[in-house]
Amino acid sequence: MSKTDTTTPRKPNAALMKPVQPDEVLSVIVGSTPLPRGEMTKKLWDYIKKHKLQDANKKTLINADAALTKVFDGKTQVNMFEMTKLVSGHVKK
């Protein structure tokens, strides 16, 4: 019997699937309707890529434009992991 036959299917994390409401600052980037966190992160990355805000030399850094500076609490550059923490402060559960 192969290893895949004995594993159970993965269940999605309910906390990540629950829609959260972005605040006024974050809604400029991801929209004002409630979204699951995964979708919100996807829209945020789409915005970053569309506006070429990922640092060319060090891909883990995000260079903020005017809208992202507000989300990043005034910082003009953050790393990916710090970005997640800062974005969490702009959602209403």
N, C-alpha and C. Protein backbone atom coordinates (compact mmCIF):
# COMPACT_ATOMS: atom_id res chain seq x y z
N MET A 1 0.85 -1.17 0.00
CA MET A 1 0.00 0.00 0.00
C MET A 1 0.90 1.24 0.00
N SER A 2 0.57 2.20 -0.83
CA SER A 2 1.40 3.41 -0.89
C SER A 2 1.03 4.37 0.23
N LYS A 3 1.93 5.28 0.48
CA LYS A 3 1.75 6.24 1.57
C LYS A 3 0.53 7.14 1.34
N THR A 4 0.22 7.45 0.09
CA THR A 4 -0.90 8.34 -0.19
C THR A 4 -2.25 7.69 0.10
N ASP A 5 -2.29 6.37 0.11
CA ASP A 5 -3.55 5.67 0.39
C ASP A 5 -3.96 5.79 1.85
N THR A 6 -3.01 6.01 2.73
CA THR A 6 -3.31 6.03 4.16
C THR A 6 -3.51 7.45 4.72
N THR A 7 -3.22 8.47 3.94
CA THR A 7 -3.38 9.83 4.46
C THR A 7 -4.81 10.30 4.29
N THR A 8 -5.21 11.17 5.19
CA THR A 8 -6.54 11.75 5.10
C THR A 8 -6.46 13.05 4.32
N PRO A 9 -7.51 13.42 3.62
CA PRO A 9 -7.47 14.68 2.88
C PRO A 9 -7.37 15.87 3.83
N ARG A 10 -6.63 16.89 3.40
CA ARG A 10 -6.47 18.09 4.21
C ARG A 10 -7.74 18.90 4.24
N LYS A 11 -8.08 19.37 5.41
CA LYS A 11 -9.24 20.24 5.54
C LYS A 11 -8.74 21.68 5.55
N PRO A 12 -9.44 22.60 4.87
CA PRO A 12 -9.02 23.99 4.91
C PRO A 12 -9.20 24.56 6.31
N ASN A 13 -8.30 25.45 6.69
CA ASN A 13 -8.36 26.08 8.00
C ASN A 13 -9.57 27.02 8.04
N ALA A 14 -10.49 26.76 8.94
CA ALA A 14 -11.73 27.55 9.02
C ALA A 14 -11.45 29.02 9.32
N ALA A 15 -10.41 29.29 10.11
CA ALA A 15 -10.09 30.67 10.45
C ALA A 15 -9.64 31.45 9.21
N LEU A 16 -8.95 30.78 8.30
CA LEU A 16 -8.50 31.45 7.08
C LEU A 16 -9.62 31.61 6.07
N MET A 17 -10.65 30.81 6.15
CA MET A 17 -11.76 30.87 5.21
C MET A 17 -12.83 31.87 5.64
N LYS A 18 -12.83 32.26 6.91
CA LYS A 18 -13.84 33.19 7.42
C LYS A 18 -13.58 34.59 6.86
N PRO A 19 -14.58 35.20 6.23
CA PRO A 19 -14.37 36.55 5.69
C PRO A 19 -14.11 37.58 6.79
N VAL A 20 -13.19 38.48 6.51
CA VAL A 20 -12.89 39.59 7.42
C VAL A 20 -13.10 40.90 6.65
N GLN A 21 -13.42 41.93 7.38
CA GLN A 21 -13.73 43.23 6.78
C GLN A 21 -12.49 44.13 6.79
N PRO A 22 -11.99 44.54 5.62
CA PRO A 22 -10.87 45.48 5.61
C PRO A 22 -11.33 46.87 6.07
N ASP A 23 -10.46 47.59 6.77
CA ASP A 23 -10.81 48.95 7.18
C ASP A 23 -10.69 49.89 5.98
N GLU A 24 -10.95 51.17 6.20
CA GLU A 24 -10.97 52.15 5.12
C GLU A 24 -9.62 52.25 4.40
N VAL A 25 -8.53 52.16 5.16
CA VAL A 25 -7.18 52.28 4.59
C VAL A 25 -6.87 51.10 3.67
N LEU A 26 -7.13 49.89 4.15
CA LEU A 26 -6.84 48.69 3.36
C LEU A 26 -7.82 48.50 2.21
N SER A 27 -9.05 48.98 2.36
CA SER A 27 -10.06 48.80 1.32
C SER A 27 -9.70 49.54 0.03
N VAL A 28 -8.84 50.55 0.10
CA VAL A 28 -8.37 51.24 -1.10
C VAL A 28 -7.64 50.26 -2.01
N ILE A 29 -6.98 49.27 -1.43
CA ILE A 29 -6.18 48.31 -2.19
C ILE A 29 -6.95 47.03 -2.51
N VAL A 30 -7.66 46.46 -1.54
CA VAL A 30 -8.30 45.16 -1.74
C VAL A 30 -9.81 45.22 -1.96
N GLY A 31 -10.40 46.39 -1.85
CA GLY A 31 -11.85 46.51 -1.98
C GLY A 31 -12.51 46.56 -0.62
N SER A 32 -13.77 46.97 -0.59
CA SER A 32 -14.44 47.19 0.69
C SER A 32 -15.33 46.03 1.15
N THR A 33 -15.44 44.97 0.34
CA THR A 33 -16.26 43.83 0.74
C THR A 33 -15.47 42.85 1.60
N PRO A 34 -16.14 42.17 2.53
CA PRO A 34 -15.44 41.18 3.36
C PRO A 34 -14.84 40.06 2.49
N LEU A 35 -13.62 39.66 2.83
CA LEU A 35 -12.89 38.62 2.09
C LEU A 35 -12.23 37.66 3.05
N PRO A 36 -12.07 36.38 2.64
CA PRO A 36 -11.23 35.48 3.43
C PRO A 36 -9.79 36.01 3.40
N ARG A 37 -9.02 35.72 4.43
CA ARG A 37 -7.64 36.23 4.52
C ARG A 37 -6.80 35.82 3.31
N GLY A 38 -7.00 34.62 2.83
CA GLY A 38 -6.24 34.15 1.67
C GLY A 38 -6.50 35.00 0.43
N GLU A 39 -7.76 35.33 0.20
CA GLU A 39 -8.13 36.18 -0.94
C GLU A 39 -7.58 37.59 -0.76
N MET A 40 -7.61 38.07 0.48
CA MET A 40 -7.10 39.42 0.76
C MET A 40 -5.60 39.48 0.46
N THR A 41 -4.88 38.46 0.87
CA THR A 41 -3.44 38.39 0.61
C THR A 41 -3.18 38.32 -0.88
N LYS A 42 -3.99 37.55 -1.61
CA LYS A 42 -3.83 37.42 -3.06
C LYS A 42 -4.03 38.78 -3.73
N LYS A 43 -5.07 39.52 -3.33
CA LYS A 43 -5.33 40.84 -3.92
C LYS A 43 -4.21 41.82 -3.58
N LEU A 44 -3.68 41.72 -2.39
CA LEU A 44 -2.58 42.59 -1.98
C LEU A 44 -1.35 42.31 -2.85
N TRP A 45 -1.04 41.04 -3.09
CA TRP A 45 0.10 40.69 -3.94
C TRP A 45 -0.15 41.09 -5.39
N ASP A 46 -1.38 40.96 -5.85
CA ASP A 46 -1.71 41.41 -7.21
C ASP A 46 -1.41 42.91 -7.34
N TYR A 47 -1.78 43.68 -6.34
CA TYR A 47 -1.54 45.13 -6.32
C TYR A 47 -0.03 45.42 -6.34
N ILE A 48 0.70 44.70 -5.50
CA ILE A 48 2.15 44.90 -5.41
C ILE A 48 2.82 44.60 -6.75
N LYS A 49 2.42 43.50 -7.38
CA LYS A 49 3.01 43.13 -8.67
C LYS A 49 2.60 44.09 -9.79
N LYS A 50 1.33 44.49 -9.80
CA LYS A 50 0.83 45.39 -10.83
C LYS A 50 1.57 46.73 -10.81
N HIS A 51 1.87 47.22 -9.60
CA HIS A 51 2.53 48.52 -9.46
C HIS A 51 4.05 48.38 -9.30
N LYS A 52 4.57 47.14 -9.49
CA LYS A 52 6.02 46.88 -9.42
C LYS A 52 6.64 47.40 -8.12
N LEU A 53 6.05 46.99 -7.00
CA LEU A 53 6.50 47.48 -5.70
C LEU A 53 7.44 46.51 -4.97
N GLN A 54 7.66 45.33 -5.55
CA GLN A 54 8.59 44.39 -4.96
C GLN A 54 10.01 44.86 -5.30
N ASP A 55 10.88 44.90 -4.31
CA ASP A 55 12.24 45.39 -4.51
C ASP A 55 12.97 44.53 -5.54
N ALA A 56 13.64 45.18 -6.48
CA ALA A 56 14.32 44.47 -7.57
C ALA A 56 15.52 43.66 -7.09
N ASN A 57 16.23 44.16 -6.09
CA ASN A 57 17.44 43.49 -5.60
C ASN A 57 17.15 42.42 -4.54
N LYS A 58 16.24 42.72 -3.65
CA LYS A 58 15.90 41.78 -2.58
C LYS A 58 14.40 41.55 -2.61
N LYS A 59 14.00 40.42 -3.18
CA LYS A 59 12.58 40.14 -3.45
C LYS A 59 11.71 40.04 -2.20
N THR A 60 12.30 39.89 -1.03
CA THR A 60 11.49 39.80 0.19
C THR A 60 11.06 41.17 0.70
N LEU A 61 11.54 42.23 0.07
CA LEU A 61 11.18 43.58 0.50
C LEU A 61 10.11 44.18 -0.40
N ILE A 62 9.19 44.91 0.21
CA ILE A 62 8.12 45.59 -0.51
C ILE A 62 8.33 47.10 -0.33
N ASN A 63 8.42 47.82 -1.45
CA ASN A 63 8.54 49.27 -1.43
C ASN A 63 7.13 49.86 -1.52
N ALA A 64 6.75 50.62 -0.53
CA ALA A 64 5.38 51.12 -0.44
C ALA A 64 5.16 52.36 -1.30
N ASP A 65 4.00 52.40 -1.98
CA ASP A 65 3.56 53.63 -2.63
C ASP A 65 2.71 54.39 -1.61
N ALA A 66 2.03 55.43 -2.03
CA ALA A 66 1.24 56.25 -1.08
C ALA A 66 0.18 55.44 -0.35
N ALA A 67 -0.53 54.57 -1.08
CA ALA A 67 -1.60 53.78 -0.45
C ALA A 67 -1.03 52.74 0.52
N LEU A 68 0.04 52.08 0.13
CA LEU A 68 0.63 51.06 1.01
C LEU A 68 1.34 51.67 2.21
N THR A 69 1.85 52.87 2.08
CA THR A 69 2.49 53.53 3.22
C THR A 69 1.50 53.68 4.36
N LYS A 70 0.25 53.97 4.04
CA LYS A 70 -0.80 54.08 5.07
C LYS A 70 -1.06 52.73 5.72
N VAL A 71 -1.10 51.67 4.91
CA VAL A 71 -1.31 50.32 5.44
C VAL A 71 -0.13 49.89 6.30
N PHE A 72 1.09 50.29 5.89
CA PHE A 72 2.31 49.91 6.60
C PHE A 72 2.64 50.86 7.74
N ASP A 73 1.69 51.61 8.21
CA ASP A 73 1.85 52.53 9.35
C ASP A 73 2.99 53.53 9.13
N GLY A 74 3.06 54.08 7.92
CA GLY A 74 4.03 55.12 7.62
C GLY A 74 5.38 54.63 7.13
N LYS A 75 5.62 53.33 7.13
CA LYS A 75 6.91 52.79 6.67
C LYS A 75 6.92 52.76 5.15
N THR A 76 8.07 53.09 4.56
CA THR A 76 8.19 53.10 3.11
C THR A 76 8.69 51.78 2.55
N GLN A 77 9.23 50.91 3.42
CA GLN A 77 9.68 49.59 2.98
C GLN A 77 9.54 48.61 4.13
N VAL A 78 8.96 47.43 3.83
CA VAL A 78 8.82 46.37 4.84
C VAL A 78 9.17 45.05 4.17
N ASN A 79 9.48 44.03 5.01
CA ASN A 79 9.67 42.70 4.43
C ASN A 79 8.33 41.97 4.40
N MET A 80 8.28 40.87 3.69
CA MET A 80 7.01 40.14 3.50
C MET A 80 6.35 39.74 4.81
N PHE A 81 7.16 39.32 5.78
CA PHE A 81 6.62 38.84 7.05
C PHE A 81 6.08 39.99 7.89
N GLU A 82 6.75 41.10 7.86
CA GLU A 82 6.26 42.29 8.57
C GLU A 82 4.98 42.79 7.91
N MET A 83 4.90 42.67 6.59
CA MET A 83 3.72 43.11 5.85
C MET A 83 2.46 42.38 6.36
N THR A 84 2.57 41.08 6.55
CA THR A 84 1.44 40.29 7.03
C THR A 84 0.95 40.80 8.38
N LYS A 85 1.87 41.09 9.27
CA LYS A 85 1.52 41.60 10.60
C LYS A 85 0.84 42.96 10.50
N LEU A 86 1.39 43.84 9.66
CA LEU A 86 0.83 45.19 9.53
C LEU A 86 -0.56 45.16 8.89
N VAL A 87 -0.76 44.29 7.92
CA VAL A 87 -2.07 44.17 7.26
C VAL A 87 -3.11 43.65 8.26
N SER A 88 -2.73 42.74 9.13
CA SER A 88 -3.67 42.20 10.13
C SER A 88 -4.25 43.30 11.02
N GLY A 89 -3.50 44.37 11.21
CA GLY A 89 -4.00 45.49 12.01
C GLY A 89 -5.06 46.31 11.30
N HIS A 90 -5.31 46.02 10.02
CA HIS A 90 -6.28 46.78 9.25
C HIS A 90 -7.51 45.96 8.85
N VAL A 91 -7.76 44.87 9.59
CA VAL A 91 -8.96 44.07 9.33
C VAL A 91 -9.83 44.04 10.58
N LYS A 92 -11.13 44.04 10.35
CA LYS A 92 -12.10 43.94 11.44
C LYS A 92 -12.64 42.52 11.41
N LYS A 93 -12.53 41.86 12.53
CA LYS A 93 -12.96 40.45 12.59
C LYS A 93 -14.43 40.31 12.81
